ModelCIF file with pLDDT and N, C-alpha, C, O atoms, coordinates in Angstrom:
data_MODEL
#
_entry.id   MODEL 
#
_entity.id                         1 
_entity.type                       polymer 
_entity.pdbx_number_of_molecules   1 
#
_entity_poly.entity_id                      1 
_entity_poly.type                           'polypeptide(L)' 
_entity_poly.nstd_linkage                   no 
_entity_poly.nstd_monomer                   no 
_entity_poly.pdbx_seq_one_letter_code       LAFGGPDPSSPQVAVRQVSFDRAMELLNASPEHLDAAEAAFRQLGY 
_entity_poly.pdbx_seq_one_letter_code_can   LAFGGPDPSSPQVAVRQVSFDRAMELLNASPEHLDAAEAAFRQLGY 
_entity_poly.pdbx_strand_id                 A 
#
loop_
_entity_poly_seq.entity_id 
_entity_poly_seq.num 
_entity_poly_seq.mon_id 
_entity_poly_seq.hetero 
1 1  LEU n 
1 2  ALA n 
1 3  PHE n 
1 4  GLY n 
1 5  GLY n 
1 6  PRO n 
1 7  ASP n 
1 8  PRO n 
1 9  SER n 
1 10 SER n 
1 11 PRO n 
1 12 GLN n 
1 13 VAL n 
1 14 ALA n 
1 15 VAL n 
1 16 ARG n 
1 17 GLN n 
1 18 VAL n 
1 19 SER n 
1 20 PHE n 
1 21 ASP n 
1 22 ARG n 
1 23 ALA n 
1 24 MET n 
1 25 GLU n 
1 26 LEU n 
1 27 LEU n 
1 28 ASN n 
1 29 ALA n 
1 30 SER n 
1 31 PRO n 
1 32 GLU n 
1 33 HIS n 
1 34 LEU n 
1 35 ASP n 
1 36 ALA n 
1 37 ALA n 
1 38 GLU n 
1 39 ALA n 
1 40 ALA n 
1 41 PHE n 
1 42 ARG n 
1 43 GLN n 
1 44 LEU n 
1 45 GLY n 
1 46 TYR n 
#
_struct_asym.id          A 
_struct_asym.entity_id   1 
#
loop_
_ma_qa_metric.id 
_ma_qa_metric.mode 
_ma_qa_metric.name 
_ma_qa_metric.software_group_id 
_ma_qa_metric.type 
1 global pLDDT . pLDDT 
2 local  pLDDT . pLDDT 
#
_ma_qa_metric_global.metric_id      1 
_ma_qa_metric_global.metric_value   87.89 
_ma_qa_metric_global.model_id       1 
_ma_qa_metric_global.ordinal_id     1 
#
loop_
_ma_qa_metric_local.label_asym_id 
_ma_qa_metric_local.label_comp_id 
_ma_qa_metric_local.label_seq_id 
_ma_qa_metric_local.metric_id 
_ma_qa_metric_local.metric_value 
_ma_qa_metric_local.model_id 
_ma_qa_metric_local.ordinal_id 
A LEU 1  2 74.00 1 1  
A ALA 2  2 77.00 1 2  
A PHE 3  2 73.00 1 3  
A GLY 4  2 70.00 1 4  
A GLY 5  2 68.00 1 5  
A PRO 6  2 69.00 1 6  
A ASP 7  2 72.00 1 7  
A PRO 8  2 68.00 1 8  
A SER 9  2 76.00 1 9  
A SER 10 2 82.00 1 10 
A PRO 11 2 87.00 1 11 
A GLN 12 2 85.00 1 12 
A VAL 13 2 82.00 1 13 
A ALA 14 2 86.00 1 14 
A VAL 15 2 91.00 1 15 
A ARG 16 2 92.00 1 16 
A GLN 17 2 94.00 1 17 
A VAL 18 2 95.00 1 18 
A SER 19 2 94.00 1 19 
A PHE 20 2 94.00 1 20 
A ASP 21 2 95.00 1 21 
A ARG 22 2 95.00 1 22 
A ALA 23 2 94.00 1 23 
A MET 24 2 94.00 1 24 
A GLU 25 2 94.00 1 25 
A LEU 26 2 93.00 1 26 
A LEU 27 2 92.00 1 27 
A ASN 28 2 90.00 1 28 
A ALA 29 2 89.00 1 29 
A SER 30 2 86.00 1 30 
A PRO 31 2 87.00 1 31 
A GLU 32 2 91.00 1 32 
A HIS 33 2 92.00 1 33 
A LEU 34 2 92.00 1 34 
A ASP 35 2 93.00 1 35 
A ALA 36 2 95.00 1 36 
A ALA 37 2 94.00 1 37 
A GLU 38 2 94.00 1 38 
A ALA 39 2 95.00 1 39 
A ALA 40 2 95.00 1 40 
A PHE 41 2 95.00 1 41 
A ARG 42 2 95.00 1 42 
A GLN 43 2 94.00 1 43 
A LEU 44 2 94.00 1 44 
A GLY 45 2 92.00 1 45 
A TYR 46 2 94.00 1 46 
#
loop_
_atom_site.group_PDB 
_atom_site.id 
_atom_site.type_symbol 
_atom_site.label_atom_id 
_atom_site.label_alt_id 
_atom_site.label_comp_id 
_atom_site.label_asym_id 
_atom_site.label_entity_id 
_atom_site.label_seq_id 
_atom_site.pdbx_PDB_ins_code 
_atom_site.Cartn_x 
_atom_site.Cartn_y 
_atom_site.Cartn_z 
_atom_site.occupancy 
_atom_site.B_iso_or_equiv 
_atom_site.pdbx_formal_charge 
_atom_site.auth_seq_id 
_atom_site.auth_comp_id 
_atom_site.auth_asym_id 
_atom_site.auth_atom_id 
_atom_site.pdbx_PDB_model_num 
ATOM 1   N N  . LEU A 1 1  ? 22.585 -27.822 -27.229 1.00 74.00 ? 1  LEU A N  1 
ATOM 2   C CA . LEU A 1 1  ? 23.726 -28.596 -27.755 1.00 74.00 ? 1  LEU A CA 1 
ATOM 3   C C  . LEU A 1 1  ? 24.310 -27.920 -29.016 1.00 74.00 ? 1  LEU A C  1 
ATOM 4   O O  . LEU A 1 1  ? 25.526 -27.860 -29.197 1.00 74.00 ? 1  LEU A O  1 
ATOM 5   N N  . ALA A 1 2  ? 23.427 -27.427 -29.862 1.00 77.00 ? 2  ALA A N  1 
ATOM 6   C CA . ALA A 1 2  ? 23.905 -26.840 -31.124 1.00 77.00 ? 2  ALA A CA 1 
ATOM 7   C C  . ALA A 1 2  ? 24.533 -25.444 -30.951 1.00 77.00 ? 2  ALA A C  1 
ATOM 8   O O  . ALA A 1 2  ? 25.551 -25.132 -31.569 1.00 77.00 ? 2  ALA A O  1 
ATOM 9   N N  . PHE A 1 3  ? 23.922 -24.632 -30.121 1.00 73.00 ? 3  PHE A N  1 
ATOM 10  C CA . PHE A 1 3  ? 24.347 -23.238 -30.017 1.00 73.00 ? 3  PHE A CA 1 
ATOM 11  C C  . PHE A 1 3  ? 25.022 -22.892 -28.700 1.00 73.00 ? 3  PHE A C  1 
ATOM 12  O O  . PHE A 1 3  ? 25.693 -21.865 -28.602 1.00 73.00 ? 3  PHE A O  1 
ATOM 13  N N  . GLY A 1 4  ? 24.856 -23.735 -27.685 1.00 70.00 ? 4  GLY A N  1 
ATOM 14  C CA . GLY A 1 4  ? 25.427 -23.415 -26.393 1.00 70.00 ? 4  GLY A CA 1 
ATOM 15  C C  . GLY A 1 4  ? 24.740 -22.205 -25.772 1.00 70.00 ? 4  GLY A C  1 
ATOM 16  O O  . GLY A 1 4  ? 23.629 -21.836 -26.153 1.00 70.00 ? 4  GLY A O  1 
ATOM 17  N N  . GLY A 1 5  ? 25.421 -21.600 -24.813 1.00 68.00 ? 5  GLY A N  1 
ATOM 18  C CA . GLY A 1 5  ? 24.898 -20.403 -24.188 1.00 68.00 ? 5  GLY A CA 1 
ATOM 19  C C  . GLY A 1 5  ? 23.919 -20.717 -23.073 1.00 68.00 ? 5  GLY A C  1 
ATOM 20  O O  . GLY A 1 5  ? 23.658 -21.883 -22.778 1.00 68.00 ? 5  GLY A O  1 
ATOM 21  N N  . PRO A 1 6  ? 23.381 -19.687 -22.459 1.00 69.00 ? 6  PRO A N  1 
ATOM 22  C CA . PRO A 1 6  ? 22.471 -19.847 -21.321 1.00 69.00 ? 6  PRO A CA 1 
ATOM 23  C C  . PRO A 1 6  ? 21.111 -20.406 -21.748 1.00 69.00 ? 6  PRO A C  1 
ATOM 24  O O  . PRO A 1 6  ? 20.698 -20.281 -22.901 1.00 69.00 ? 6  PRO A O  1 
ATOM 25  N N  . ASP A 1 7  ? 20.456 -21.003 -20.814 1.00 72.00 ? 7  ASP A N  1 
ATOM 26  C CA . ASP A 1 7  ? 19.083 -21.524 -21.009 1.00 72.00 ? 7  ASP A CA 1 
ATOM 27  C C  . ASP A 1 7  ? 18.167 -20.382 -21.338 1.00 72.00 ? 7  ASP A C  1 
ATOM 28  O O  . ASP A 1 7  ? 18.288 -19.314 -20.738 1.00 72.00 ? 7  ASP A O  1 
ATOM 29  N N  . PRO A 1 8  ? 17.245 -20.562 -22.276 1.00 68.00 ? 8  PRO A N  1 
ATOM 30  C CA . PRO A 1 8  ? 16.329 -19.487 -22.673 1.00 68.00 ? 8  PRO A CA 1 
ATOM 31  C C  . PRO A 1 8  ? 15.446 -19.009 -21.525 1.00 68.00 ? 8  PRO A C  1 
ATOM 32  O O  . PRO A 1 8  ? 14.955 -17.881 -21.574 1.00 68.00 ? 8  PRO A O  1 
ATOM 33  N N  . SER A 1 9  ? 15.220 -19.841 -20.473 1.00 76.00 ? 9  SER A N  1 
ATOM 34  C CA . SER A 1 9  ? 14.433 -19.424 -19.347 1.00 76.00 ? 9  SER A CA 1 
ATOM 35  C C  . SER A 1 9  ? 15.269 -18.845 -18.211 1.00 76.00 ? 9  SER A C  1 
ATOM 36  O O  . SER A 1 9  ? 14.742 -18.565 -17.135 1.00 76.00 ? 9  SER A O  1 
ATOM 37  N N  . SER A 1 10 ? 16.566 -18.663 -18.443 1.00 82.00 ? 10 SER A N  1 
ATOM 38  C CA . SER A 1 10 ? 17.409 -18.092 -17.400 1.00 82.00 ? 10 SER A CA 1 
ATOM 39  C C  . SER A 1 10 ? 17.273 -16.591 -17.386 1.00 82.00 ? 10 SER A C  1 
ATOM 40  O O  . SER A 1 10 ? 16.886 -16.004 -18.396 1.00 82.00 ? 10 SER A O  1 
ATOM 41  N N  . PRO A 1 11 ? 17.583 -15.939 -16.261 1.00 87.00 ? 11 PRO A N  1 
ATOM 42  C CA . PRO A 1 11 ? 17.461 -14.472 -16.214 1.00 87.00 ? 11 PRO A CA 1 
ATOM 43  C C  . PRO A 1 11 ? 18.398 -13.769 -17.164 1.00 87.00 ? 11 PRO A C  1 
ATOM 44  O O  . PRO A 1 11 ? 18.125 -12.643 -17.583 1.00 87.00 ? 11 PRO A O  1 
ATOM 45  N N  . GLN A 1 12 ? 19.521 -14.423 -17.521 1.00 85.00 ? 12 GLN A N  1 
ATOM 46  C CA . GLN A 1 12 ? 20.463 -13.793 -18.454 1.00 85.00 ? 12 GLN A CA 1 
ATOM 47  C C  . GLN A 1 12 ? 19.802 -13.595 -19.815 1.00 85.00 ? 12 GLN A C  1 
ATOM 48  O O  . GLN A 1 12 ? 20.209 -12.710 -20.567 1.00 85.00 ? 12 GLN A O  1 
ATOM 49  N N  . VAL A 1 13 ? 18.791 -14.401 -20.149 1.00 82.00 ? 13 VAL A N  1 
ATOM 50  C CA . VAL A 1 13 ? 18.102 -14.308 -21.435 1.00 82.00 ? 13 VAL A CA 1 
ATOM 51  C C  . VAL A 1 13 ? 16.719 -13.642 -21.252 1.00 82.00 ? 13 VAL A C  1 
ATOM 52  O O  . VAL A 1 13 ? 16.314 -12.802 -22.056 1.00 82.00 ? 13 VAL A O  1 
ATOM 53  N N  . ALA A 1 14 ? 16.025 -14.024 -20.204 1.00 86.00 ? 14 ALA A N  1 
ATOM 54  C CA . ALA A 1 14 ? 14.618 -13.605 -20.009 1.00 86.00 ? 14 ALA A CA 1 
ATOM 55  C C  . ALA A 1 14 ? 14.450 -12.211 -19.495 1.00 86.00 ? 14 ALA A C  1 
ATOM 56  O O  . ALA A 1 14 ? 13.384 -11.621 -19.671 1.00 86.00 ? 14 ALA A O  1 
ATOM 57  N N  . VAL A 1 15 ? 15.492 -11.640 -18.843 1.00 91.00 ? 15 VAL A N  1 
ATOM 58  C CA . VAL A 1 15 ? 15.370 -10.299 -18.253 1.00 91.00 ? 15 VAL A CA 1 
ATOM 59  C C  . VAL A 1 15 ? 16.156 -9.333  -19.120 1.00 91.00 ? 15 VAL A C  1 
ATOM 60  O O  . VAL A 1 15 ? 17.328 -9.549  -19.429 1.00 91.00 ? 15 VAL A O  1 
ATOM 61  N N  . ARG A 1 16 ? 15.472 -8.253  -19.505 1.00 92.00 ? 16 ARG A N  1 
ATOM 62  C CA . ARG A 1 16 ? 16.174 -7.215  -20.277 1.00 92.00 ? 16 ARG A CA 1 
ATOM 63  C C  . ARG A 1 16 ? 17.113 -6.438  -19.362 1.00 92.00 ? 16 ARG A C  1 
ATOM 64  O O  . ARG A 1 16 ? 16.732 -6.066  -18.251 1.00 92.00 ? 16 ARG A O  1 
ATOM 65  N N  . GLN A 1 17 ? 18.344 -6.190  -19.825 1.00 94.00 ? 17 GLN A N  1 
ATOM 66  C CA . GLN A 1 17 ? 19.318 -5.474  -19.014 1.00 94.00 ? 17 GLN A CA 1 
ATOM 67  C C  . GLN A 1 17 ? 18.833 -4.105  -18.628 1.00 94.00 ? 17 GLN A C  1 
ATOM 68  O O  . GLN A 1 17 ? 19.025 -3.677  -17.490 1.00 94.00 ? 17 GLN A O  1 
ATOM 69  N N  . VAL A 1 18 ? 18.204 -3.405  -19.556 1.00 95.00 ? 18 VAL A N  1 
ATOM 70  C CA . VAL A 1 18 ? 17.685 -2.055  -19.299 1.00 95.00 ? 18 VAL A CA 1 
ATOM 71  C C  . VAL A 1 18 ? 16.682 -2.075  -18.111 1.00 95.00 ? 18 VAL A C  1 
ATOM 72  O O  . VAL A 1 18 ? 16.753 -1.227  -17.222 1.00 95.00 ? 18 VAL A O  1 
ATOM 73  N N  . SER A 1 19 ? 15.788 -3.015  -18.114 1.00 94.00 ? 19 SER A N  1 
ATOM 74  C CA . SER A 1 19 ? 14.787 -3.149  -17.049 1.00 94.00 ? 19 SER A CA 1 
ATOM 75  C C  . SER A 1 19 ? 15.435 -3.453  -15.722 1.00 94.00 ? 19 SER A C  1 
ATOM 76  O O  . SER A 1 19 ? 15.057 -2.891  -14.694 1.00 94.00 ? 19 SER A O  1 
ATOM 77  N N  . PHE A 1 20 ? 16.410 -4.340  -15.740 1.00 94.00 ? 20 PHE A N  1 
ATOM 78  C CA . PHE A 1 20 ? 17.174 -4.671  -14.517 1.00 94.00 ? 20 PHE A CA 1 
ATOM 79  C C  . PHE A 1 20 ? 17.886 -3.453  -13.974 1.00 94.00 ? 20 PHE A C  1 
ATOM 80  O O  . PHE A 1 20 ? 17.887 -3.205  -12.769 1.00 94.00 ? 20 PHE A O  1 
ATOM 81  N N  . ASP A 1 21 ? 18.496 -2.688  -14.877 1.00 95.00 ? 21 ASP A N  1 
ATOM 82  C CA . ASP A 1 21 ? 19.210 -1.476  -14.456 1.00 95.00 ? 21 ASP A CA 1 
ATOM 83  C C  . ASP A 1 21 ? 18.267 -0.473  -13.853 1.00 95.00 ? 21 ASP A C  1 
ATOM 84  O O  . ASP A 1 21 ? 18.630 0.204   -12.891 1.00 95.00 ? 21 ASP A O  1 
ATOM 85  N N  . ARG A 1 22 ? 17.081 -0.351  -14.375 1.00 95.00 ? 22 ARG A N  1 
ATOM 86  C CA . ARG A 1 22 ? 16.075 0.611   -13.797 1.00 95.00 ? 22 ARG A CA 1 
ATOM 87  C C  . ARG A 1 22 ? 15.679 0.170   -12.390 1.00 95.00 ? 22 ARG A C  1 
ATOM 88  O O  . ARG A 1 22 ? 15.539 1.002   -11.494 1.00 95.00 ? 22 ARG A O  1 
ATOM 89  N N  . ALA A 1 23 ? 15.499 -1.128  -12.198 1.00 94.00 ? 23 ALA A N  1 
ATOM 90  C CA . ALA A 1 23 ? 15.129 -1.620  -10.862 1.00 94.00 ? 23 ALA A CA 1 
ATOM 91  C C  . ALA A 1 23 ? 16.291 -1.376  -9.884  1.00 94.00 ? 23 ALA A C  1 
ATOM 92  O O  . ALA A 1 23 ? 16.073 -1.070  -8.712  1.00 94.00 ? 23 ALA A O  1 
ATOM 93  N N  . MET A 1 24 ? 17.521 -1.516  -10.382 1.00 94.00 ? 24 MET A N  1 
ATOM 94  C CA . MET A 1 24 ? 18.700 -1.241  -9.523  1.00 94.00 ? 24 MET A CA 1 
ATOM 95  C C  . MET A 1 24 ? 18.780 0.236   -9.152  1.00 94.00 ? 24 MET A C  1 
ATOM 96  O O  . MET A 1 24 ? 19.156 0.588   -8.034  1.00 94.00 ? 24 MET A O  1 
ATOM 97  N N  . GLU A 1 25 ? 18.419 1.096   -10.111 1.00 94.00 ? 25 GLU A N  1 
ATOM 98  C CA . GLU A 1 25 ? 18.400 2.534   -9.816  1.00 94.00 ? 25 GLU A CA 1 
ATOM 99  C C  . GLU A 1 25 ? 17.425 2.848   -8.707  1.00 94.00 ? 25 GLU A C  1 
ATOM 100 O O  . GLU A 1 25 ? 17.726 3.634   -7.809  1.00 94.00 ? 25 GLU A O  1 
ATOM 101 N N  . LEU A 1 26 ? 16.248 2.231   -8.768  1.00 93.00 ? 26 LEU A N  1 
ATOM 102 C CA . LEU A 1 26 ? 15.267 2.435   -7.680  1.00 93.00 ? 26 LEU A CA 1 
ATOM 103 C C  . LEU A 1 26 ? 15.795 1.956   -6.326  1.00 93.00 ? 26 LEU A C  1 
ATOM 104 O O  . LEU A 1 26 ? 15.603 2.597   -5.292  1.00 93.00 ? 26 LEU A O  1 
ATOM 105 N N  . LEU A 1 27 ? 16.468 0.806   -6.375  1.00 92.00 ? 27 LEU A N  1 
ATOM 106 C CA . LEU A 1 27 ? 17.024 0.242   -5.141  1.00 92.00 ? 27 LEU A CA 1 
ATOM 107 C C  . LEU A 1 27 ? 18.074 1.150   -4.537  1.00 92.00 ? 27 LEU A C  1 
ATOM 108 O O  . LEU A 1 27 ? 18.149 1.293   -3.316  1.00 92.00 ? 27 LEU A O  1 
ATOM 109 N N  . ASN A 1 28 ? 18.868 1.754   -5.368  1.00 90.00 ? 28 ASN A N  1 
ATOM 110 C CA . ASN A 1 28 ? 19.977 2.602   -4.885  1.00 90.00 ? 28 ASN A CA 1 
ATOM 111 C C  . ASN A 1 28 ? 19.557 4.047   -4.625  1.00 90.00 ? 28 ASN A C  1 
ATOM 112 O O  . ASN A 1 28 ? 20.321 4.815   -4.041  1.00 90.00 ? 28 ASN A O  1 
ATOM 113 N N  . ALA A 1 29 ? 18.334 4.432   -5.057  1.00 89.00 ? 29 ALA A N  1 
ATOM 114 C CA . ALA A 1 29 ? 17.911 5.838   -4.935  1.00 89.00 ? 29 ALA A CA 1 
ATOM 115 C C  . ALA A 1 29 ? 17.831 6.283   -3.498  1.00 89.00 ? 29 ALA A C  1 
ATOM 116 O O  . ALA A 1 29 ? 18.532 7.216   -3.106  1.00 89.00 ? 29 ALA A O  1 
ATOM 117 N N  . SER A 1 30 ? 16.995 5.642   -2.694  1.00 86.00 ? 30 SER A N  1 
ATOM 118 C CA . SER A 1 30 ? 16.814 6.006   -1.293  1.00 86.00 ? 30 SER A CA 1 
ATOM 119 C C  . SER A 1 30 ? 15.924 4.972   -0.665  1.00 86.00 ? 30 SER A C  1 
ATOM 120 O O  . SER A 1 30 ? 15.264 4.208   -1.370  1.00 86.00 ? 30 SER A O  1 
ATOM 121 N N  . PRO A 1 31 ? 15.893 4.931   0.693   1.00 87.00 ? 31 PRO A N  1 
ATOM 122 C CA . PRO A 1 31 ? 15.058 3.939   1.353   1.00 87.00 ? 31 PRO A CA 1 
ATOM 123 C C  . PRO A 1 31 ? 13.560 4.069   1.044   1.00 87.00 ? 31 PRO A C  1 
ATOM 124 O O  . PRO A 1 31 ? 12.800 3.109   1.169   1.00 87.00 ? 31 PRO A O  1 
ATOM 125 N N  . GLU A 1 32 ? 13.156 5.281   0.636   1.00 91.00 ? 32 GLU A N  1 
ATOM 126 C CA . GLU A 1 32 ? 11.726 5.451   0.303   1.00 91.00 ? 32 GLU A CA 1 
ATOM 127 C C  . GLU A 1 32 ? 11.306 4.717   -0.973  1.00 91.00 ? 32 GLU A C  1 
ATOM 128 O O  . GLU A 1 32 ? 10.122 4.475   -1.206  1.00 91.00 ? 32 GLU A O  1 
ATOM 129 N N  . HIS A 1 33 ? 12.293 4.372   -1.785  1.00 92.00 ? 33 HIS A N  1 
ATOM 130 C CA . HIS A 1 33 ? 12.016 3.679   -3.049  1.00 92.00 ? 33 HIS A CA 1 
ATOM 131 C C  . HIS A 1 33 ? 12.161 2.183   -2.964  1.00 92.00 ? 33 HIS A C  1 
ATOM 132 O O  . HIS A 1 33 ? 12.112 1.506   -3.991  1.00 92.00 ? 33 HIS A O  1 
ATOM 133 N N  . LEU A 1 34 ? 12.340 1.641   -1.772  1.00 92.00 ? 34 LEU A N  1 
ATOM 134 C CA . LEU A 1 34 ? 12.554 0.225   -1.588  1.00 92.00 ? 34 LEU A CA 1 
ATOM 135 C C  . LEU A 1 34 ? 11.331 -0.603  -2.061  1.00 92.00 ? 34 LEU A C  1 
ATOM 136 O O  . LEU A 1 34 ? 11.497 -1.636  -2.711  1.00 92.00 ? 34 LEU A O  1 
ATOM 137 N N  . ASP A 1 35 ? 10.111 -0.144  -1.732  1.00 93.00 ? 35 ASP A N  1 
ATOM 138 C CA . ASP A 1 35 ? 8.918  -0.853  -2.180  1.00 93.00 ? 35 ASP A CA 1 
ATOM 139 C C  . ASP A 1 35 ? 8.792  -0.873  -3.685  1.00 93.00 ? 35 ASP A C  1 
ATOM 140 O O  . ASP A 1 35 ? 8.394  -1.877  -4.277  1.00 93.00 ? 35 ASP A O  1 
ATOM 141 N N  . ALA A 1 36 ? 9.136  0.250   -4.300  1.00 95.00 ? 36 ALA A N  1 
ATOM 142 C CA . ALA A 1 36 ? 9.048  0.305   -5.780  1.00 95.00 ? 36 ALA A CA 1 
ATOM 143 C C  . ALA A 1 36 ? 10.096 -0.596  -6.423  1.00 95.00 ? 36 ALA A C  1 
ATOM 144 O O  . ALA A 1 36 ? 9.825  -1.239  -7.437  1.00 95.00 ? 36 ALA A O  1 
ATOM 145 N N  . ALA A 1 37 ? 11.305 -0.647  -5.829  1.00 94.00 ? 37 ALA A N  1 
ATOM 146 C CA . ALA A 1 37 ? 12.336 -1.537  -6.333  1.00 94.00 ? 37 ALA A CA 1 
ATOM 147 C C  . ALA A 1 37 ? 11.942 -2.971  -6.199  1.00 94.00 ? 37 ALA A C  1 
ATOM 148 O O  . ALA A 1 37 ? 12.152 -3.772  -7.110  1.00 94.00 ? 37 ALA A O  1 
ATOM 149 N N  . GLU A 1 38 ? 11.369 -3.304  -5.063  1.00 94.00 ? 38 GLU A N  1 
ATOM 150 C CA . GLU A 1 38 ? 10.886 -4.662  -4.791  1.00 94.00 ? 38 GLU A CA 1 
ATOM 151 C C  . GLU A 1 38 ? 9.841  -5.052  -5.827  1.00 94.00 ? 38 GLU A C  1 
ATOM 152 O O  . GLU A 1 38 ? 9.891  -6.150  -6.381  1.00 94.00 ? 38 GLU A O  1 
ATOM 153 N N  . ALA A 1 39 ? 8.922  -4.181  -6.081  1.00 95.00 ? 39 ALA A N  1 
ATOM 154 C CA . ALA A 1 39 ? 7.844  -4.447  -7.080  1.00 95.00 ? 39 ALA A CA 1 
ATOM 155 C C  . ALA A 1 39 ? 8.458  -4.569  -8.511  1.00 95.00 ? 39 ALA A C  1 
ATOM 156 O O  . ALA A 1 39 ? 8.008  -5.399  -9.300  1.00 95.00 ? 39 ALA A O  1 
ATOM 157 N N  . ALA A 1 40 ? 9.458  -3.761  -8.831  1.00 95.00 ? 40 ALA A N  1 
ATOM 158 C CA . ALA A 1 40 ? 10.105 -3.835  -10.146 1.00 95.00 ? 40 ALA A CA 1 
ATOM 159 C C  . ALA A 1 40 ? 10.791 -5.190  -10.339 1.00 95.00 ? 40 ALA A C  1 
ATOM 160 O O  . ALA A 1 40 ? 10.699 -5.786  -11.412 1.00 95.00 ? 40 ALA A O  1 
ATOM 161 N N  . PHE A 1 41 ? 11.470 -5.670  -9.314  1.00 95.00 ? 41 PHE A N  1 
ATOM 162 C CA . PHE A 1 41 ? 12.146 -6.986  -9.423  1.00 95.00 ? 41 PHE A CA 1 
ATOM 163 C C  . PHE A 1 41 ? 11.123 -8.108  -9.558  1.00 95.00 ? 41 PHE A C  1 
ATOM 164 O O  . PHE A 1 41 ? 11.324 -9.058  -10.315 1.00 95.00 ? 41 PHE A O  1 
ATOM 165 N N  . ARG A 1 42 ? 10.034 -7.990  -8.822  1.00 95.00 ? 42 ARG A N  1 
ATOM 166 C CA . ARG A 1 42 ? 8.960  -9.006  -8.959  1.00 95.00 ? 42 ARG A CA 1 
ATOM 167 C C  . ARG A 1 42 ? 8.393  -9.009  -10.373 1.00 95.00 ? 42 ARG A C  1 
ATOM 168 O O  . ARG A 1 42 ? 8.121  -10.065 -10.944 1.00 95.00 ? 42 ARG A O  1 
ATOM 169 N N  . GLN A 1 43 ? 8.220  -7.819  -10.925 1.00 94.00 ? 43 GLN A N  1 
ATOM 170 C CA . GLN A 1 43 ? 7.647  -7.722  -12.292 1.00 94.00 ? 43 GLN A CA 1 
ATOM 171 C C  . GLN A 1 43 ? 8.619  -8.344  -13.287 1.00 94.00 ? 43 GLN A C  1 
ATOM 172 O O  . GLN A 1 43 ? 8.169  -8.857  -14.312 1.00 94.00 ? 43 GLN A O  1 
ATOM 173 N N  . LEU A 1 44 ? 9.909  -8.328  -13.044 1.00 94.00 ? 44 LEU A N  1 
ATOM 174 C CA . LEU A 1 44 ? 10.879 -8.943  -13.913 1.00 94.00 ? 44 LEU A CA 1 
ATOM 175 C C  . LEU A 1 44 ? 10.904 -10.454 -13.812 1.00 94.00 ? 44 LEU A C  1 
ATOM 176 O O  . LEU A 1 44 ? 11.507 -11.123 -14.652 1.00 94.00 ? 44 LEU A O  1 
ATOM 177 N N  . GLY A 1 45 ? 10.243 -11.011 -12.773 1.00 92.00 ? 45 GLY A N  1 
ATOM 178 C CA . GLY A 1 45 ? 10.179 -12.446 -12.638 1.00 92.00 ? 45 GLY A CA 1 
ATOM 179 C C  . GLY A 1 45 ? 10.889 -13.013 -11.432 1.00 92.00 ? 45 GLY A C  1 
ATOM 180 O O  . GLY A 1 45 ? 10.883 -14.225 -11.221 1.00 92.00 ? 45 GLY A O  1 
ATOM 181 N N  . TYR A 1 46 ? 11.514 -12.134 -10.619 1.00 94.00 ? 46 TYR A N  1 
ATOM 182 C CA . TYR A 1 46 ? 12.230 -12.604 -9.460  1.00 94.00 ? 46 TYR A CA 1 
ATOM 183 C C  . TYR A 1 46 ? 11.258 -12.804 -8.253  1.00 94.00 ? 46 TYR A C  1 
ATOM 184 O O  . TYR A 1 46 ? 11.691 -13.203 -7.172  1.00 94.00 ? 46 TYR A O  1 
#
């Protein structure tokens, strides 16, 4: 109410952008990195 913005438990606040970008890089690298990308997203809380 006082400050507005996203909920502190939302991914916009709880997930670091740098970590999310690294998981996206793994996802886009090649099909061989799919398992690693999946694990990275799980580690971020998804």
